[in-house]
Amino acid sequence: MAYKHSETELEKYVARVVATAPPLTSEQASRIASILRPYVGATA
């Protein structure tokens, strides 16, 4: 089933969800940062 929403509608929806979400706790922010941080010693 294909969605018929435009990218602009999706962008508006995501912006609205992010704007209304509660702020991250320090622990949540640290966890996300550790997941996104490159692995030391990894080769590309």
PDB file of N, CA and C in Angstrom:
ATOM      1  N   MET A   1       0.849  -1.185   0.000  1.00  0.00           N
ATOM      2  CA  MET A   1       0.000   0.000   0.000  1.00  0.00           C
ATOM      3  C   MET A   1       0.889   1.241   0.000  1.00  0.00           C
ATOM      4  N   ALA A   2       0.734   2.080  -0.974  1.00  0.00           N
ATOM      5  CA  ALA A   2       1.547   3.290  -1.101  1.00  0.00           C
ATOM      6  C   ALA A   2       0.856   4.460  -0.417  1.00  0.00           C
ATOM      7  N   TYR A   3       1.654   5.273   0.230  1.00  0.00           N
ATOM      8  CA  TYR A   3       1.125   6.476   0.856  1.00  0.00           C
ATOM      9  C   TYR A   3       1.067   7.588  -0.175  1.00  0.00           C
ATOM     10  N   LYS A   4       0.078   8.434  -0.080  1.00  0.00           N
ATOM     11  CA  LYS A   4      -0.076   9.516  -1.045  1.00  0.00           C
ATOM     12  C   LYS A   4       0.264  10.868  -0.427  1.00  0.00           C
ATOM     13  N   HIS A   5       1.012  10.839   0.670  1.00  0.00           N
ATOM     14  CA  HIS A   5       1.416  12.085   1.313  1.00  0.00           C
ATOM     15  C   HIS A   5       2.667  12.622   0.639  1.00  0.00           C
ATOM     16  N   SER A   6       2.717  13.908   0.500  1.00  0.00           N
ATOM     17  CA  SER A   6       3.906  14.515  -0.100  1.00  0.00           C
ATOM     18  C   SER A   6       5.027  14.606   0.931  1.00  0.00           C
ATOM     19  N   GLU A   7       6.237  14.838   0.457  1.00  0.00           N
ATOM     20  CA  GLU A   7       7.369  15.012   1.371  1.00  0.00           C
ATOM     21  C   GLU A   7       7.127  16.190   2.300  1.00  0.00           C
ATOM     22  N   THR A   8       6.537  17.239   1.779  1.00  0.00           N
ATOM     23  CA  THR A   8       6.274  18.426   2.601  1.00  0.00           C
ATOM     24  C   THR A   8       5.344  18.081   3.756  1.00  0.00           C
ATOM     25  N   GLU A   9       4.322  17.278   3.502  1.00  0.00           N
ATOM     26  CA  GLU A   9       3.410  16.873   4.574  1.00  0.00           C
ATOM     27  C   GLU A   9       4.144  16.036   5.606  1.00  0.00           C
ATOM     28  N   LEU A  10       4.996  15.144   5.142  1.00  0.00           N
ATOM     29  CA  LEU A  10       5.777  14.316   6.058  1.00  0.00           C
ATOM     30  C   LEU A  10       6.720  15.176   6.885  1.00  0.00           C
ATOM     31  N   GLU A  11       7.392  16.123   6.254  1.00  0.00           N
ATOM     32  CA  GLU A  11       8.292  17.026   6.975  1.00  0.00           C
ATOM     33  C   GLU A  11       7.536  17.815   8.035  1.00  0.00           C
ATOM     34  N   LYS A  12       6.357  18.297   7.703  1.00  0.00           N
ATOM     35  CA  LYS A  12       5.543  19.046   8.667  1.00  0.00           C
ATOM     36  C   LYS A  12       5.140  18.157   9.839  1.00  0.00           C
ATOM     37  N   TYR A  13       4.765  16.913   9.532  1.00  0.00           N
ATOM     38  CA  TYR A  13       4.372  15.974  10.583  1.00  0.00           C
ATOM     39  C   TYR A  13       5.542  15.696  11.524  1.00  0.00           C
ATOM     40  N   VAL A  14       6.711  15.402  10.945  1.00  0.00           N
ATOM     41  CA  VAL A  14       7.886  15.109  11.766  1.00  0.00           C
ATOM     42  C   VAL A  14       8.257  16.323  12.613  1.00  0.00           C
ATOM     43  N   ALA A  15       8.223  17.505  12.029  1.00  0.00           N
ATOM     44  CA  ALA A  15       8.541  18.731  12.771  1.00  0.00           C
ATOM     45  C   ALA A  15       7.574  18.915  13.936  1.00  0.00           C
ATOM     46  N   ARG A  16       6.298  18.632  13.701  1.00  0.00           N
ATOM     47  CA  ARG A  16       5.283  18.784  14.758  1.00  0.00           C
ATOM     48  C   ARG A  16       5.522  17.776  15.886  1.00  0.00           C
ATOM     49  N   VAL A  17       5.826  16.538  15.522  1.00  0.00           N
ATOM     50  CA  VAL A  17       6.080  15.504  16.537  1.00  0.00           C
ATOM     51  C   VAL A  17       7.304  15.858  17.367  1.00  0.00           C
ATOM     52  N   VAL A  18       8.373  16.282  16.694  1.00  0.00           N
ATOM     53  CA  VAL A  18       9.612  16.639  17.405  1.00  0.00           C
ATOM     54  C   VAL A  18       9.378  17.848  18.307  1.00  0.00           C
ATOM     55  N   ALA A  19       8.618  18.819  17.831  1.00  0.00           N
ATOM     56  CA  ALA A  19       8.381  20.038  18.611  1.00  0.00           C
ATOM     57  C   ALA A  19       7.556  19.762  19.866  1.00  0.00           C
ATOM     58  N   THR A  20       6.695  18.753  19.814  1.00  0.00           N
ATOM     59  CA  THR A  20       5.823  18.480  20.962  1.00  0.00           C
ATOM     60  C   THR A  20       6.365  17.391  21.886  1.00  0.00           C
ATOM     61  N   ALA A  21       7.459  16.764  21.489  1.00  0.00           N
ATOM     62  CA  ALA A  21       8.049  15.715  22.321  1.00  0.00           C
ATOM     63  C   ALA A  21       8.752  16.329  23.523  1.00  0.00           C
ATOM     64  N   PRO A  22       8.736  15.629  24.647  1.00  0.00           N
ATOM     65  CA  PRO A  22       9.460  16.150  25.816  1.00  0.00           C
ATOM     66  C   PRO A  22      10.958  16.120  25.553  1.00  0.00           C
ATOM     67  N   PRO A  23      11.716  16.982  26.220  1.00  0.00           N
ATOM     68  CA  PRO A  23      13.171  16.995  26.023  1.00  0.00           C
ATOM     69  C   PRO A  23      13.792  15.682  26.516  1.00  0.00           C
ATOM     70  N   LEU A  24      14.925  15.333  25.942  1.00  0.00           N
ATOM     71  CA  LEU A  24      15.638  14.137  26.374  1.00  0.00           C
ATOM     72  C   LEU A  24      16.271  14.374  27.737  1.00  0.00           C
ATOM     73  N   THR A  25      16.346  13.317  28.516  1.00  0.00           N
ATOM     74  CA  THR A  25      17.095  13.394  29.769  1.00  0.00           C
ATOM     75  C   THR A  25      18.580  13.336  29.424  1.00  0.00           C
ATOM     76  N   SER A  26      19.425  13.664  30.358  1.00  0.00           N
ATOM     77  CA  SER A  26      20.873  13.580  30.141  1.00  0.00           C
ATOM     78  C   SER A  26      21.282  12.160  29.796  1.00  0.00           C
ATOM     79  N   GLU A  27      20.675  11.188  30.465  1.00  0.00           N
ATOM     80  CA  GLU A  27      20.992   9.779  30.204  1.00  0.00           C
ATOM     81  C   GLU A  27      20.594   9.386  28.782  1.00  0.00           C
ATOM     82  N   GLN A  28      19.417   9.807  28.336  1.00  0.00           N
ATOM     83  CA  GLN A  28      18.975   9.496  26.976  1.00  0.00           C
ATOM     84  C   GLN A  28      19.903  10.130  25.941  1.00  0.00           C
ATOM     85  N   ALA A  29      20.250  11.384  26.153  1.00  0.00           N
ATOM     86  CA  ALA A  29      21.140  12.084  25.224  1.00  0.00           C
ATOM     87  C   ALA A  29      22.506  11.408  25.166  1.00  0.00           C
ATOM     88  N   SER A  30      23.019  10.976  26.301  1.00  0.00           N
ATOM     89  CA  SER A  30      24.312  10.288  26.346  1.00  0.00           C
ATOM     90  C   SER A  30      24.247   8.956  25.608  1.00  0.00           C
ATOM     91  N   ARG A  31      23.151   8.221  25.779  1.00  0.00           N
ATOM     92  CA  ARG A  31      23.001   6.935  25.085  1.00  0.00           C
ATOM     93  C   ARG A  31      22.967   7.122  23.582  1.00  0.00           C
ATOM     94  N   ILE A  32      22.209   8.107  23.123  1.00  0.00           N
ATOM     95  CA  ILE A  32      22.122   8.373  21.688  1.00  0.00           C
ATOM     96  C   ILE A  32      23.490   8.783  21.157  1.00  0.00           C
ATOM     97  N   ALA A  33      24.181   9.637  21.892  1.00  0.00           N
ATOM     98  CA  ALA A  33      25.514  10.079  21.464  1.00  0.00           C
ATOM     99  C   ALA A  33      26.468   8.894  21.371  1.00  0.00           C
ATOM    100  N   SER A  34      26.395   7.973  22.315  1.00  0.00           N
ATOM    101  CA  SER A  34      27.303   6.822  22.275  1.00  0.00           C
ATOM    102  C   SER A  34      26.978   5.888  21.113  1.00  0.00           C
ATOM    103  N   ILE A  35      25.725   5.814  20.737  1.00  0.00           N
ATOM    104  CA  ILE A  35      25.336   4.984  19.589  1.00  0.00           C
ATOM    105  C   ILE A  35      25.835   5.613  18.291  1.00  0.00           C
ATOM    106  N   LEU A  36      25.757   6.929  18.198  1.00  0.00           N
ATOM    107  CA  LEU A  36      26.133   7.621  16.964  1.00  0.00           C
ATOM    108  C   LEU A  36      27.621   7.893  16.845  1.00  0.00           C
ATOM    109  N   ARG A  37      28.338   7.806  17.957  1.00  0.00           N
ATOM    110  CA  ARG A  37      29.774   8.067  17.943  1.00  0.00           C
ATOM    111  C   ARG A  37      30.477   6.962  17.165  1.00  0.00           C
ATOM    112  N   PRO A  38      31.419   7.338  16.289  1.00  0.00           N
ATOM    113  CA  PRO A  38      32.143   6.317  15.518  1.00  0.00           C
ATOM    114  C   PRO A  38      32.932   5.394  16.439  1.00  0.00           C
ATOM    115  N   TYR A  39      33.028   4.150  16.052  1.00  0.00           N
ATOM    116  CA  TYR A  39      33.793   3.166  16.809  1.00  0.00           C
ATOM    117  C   TYR A  39      35.275   3.399  16.576  1.00  0.00           C
ATOM    118  N   VAL A  40      36.029   3.571  17.642  1.00  0.00           N
ATOM    119  CA  VAL A  40      37.469   3.801  17.533  1.00  0.00           C
ATOM    120  C   VAL A  40      38.115   2.521  17.042  1.00  0.00           C
ATOM    121  N   GLY A  41      38.904   2.643  15.990  1.00  0.00           N
ATOM    122  CA  GLY A  41      39.571   1.478  15.438  1.00  0.00           C
ATOM    123  C   GLY A  41      38.828   0.872  14.256  1.00  0.00           C
ATOM    124  N   ALA A  42      37.645   1.404  13.964  1.00  0.00           N
ATOM    125  CA  ALA A  42      36.881   0.893  12.819  1.00  0.00           C
ATOM    126  C   ALA A  42      37.509   1.387  11.522  1.00  0.00           C
ATOM    127  N   THR A  43      37.445   0.558  10.510  1.00  0.00           N
ATOM    128  CA  THR A  43      37.933   0.964   9.200  1.00  0.00           C
ATOM    129  C   THR A  43      36.753   1.102   8.248  1.00  0.00           C
ATOM    130  N   ALA A  44      36.830   2.107   7.390  1.00  0.00           N
ATOM    131  CA  ALA A  44      35.729   2.359   6.469  1.00  0.00           C
ATOM    132  C   ALA A  44      35.903   1.623   5.165  1.00  0.00           C
TER     133      ALA A  44
END
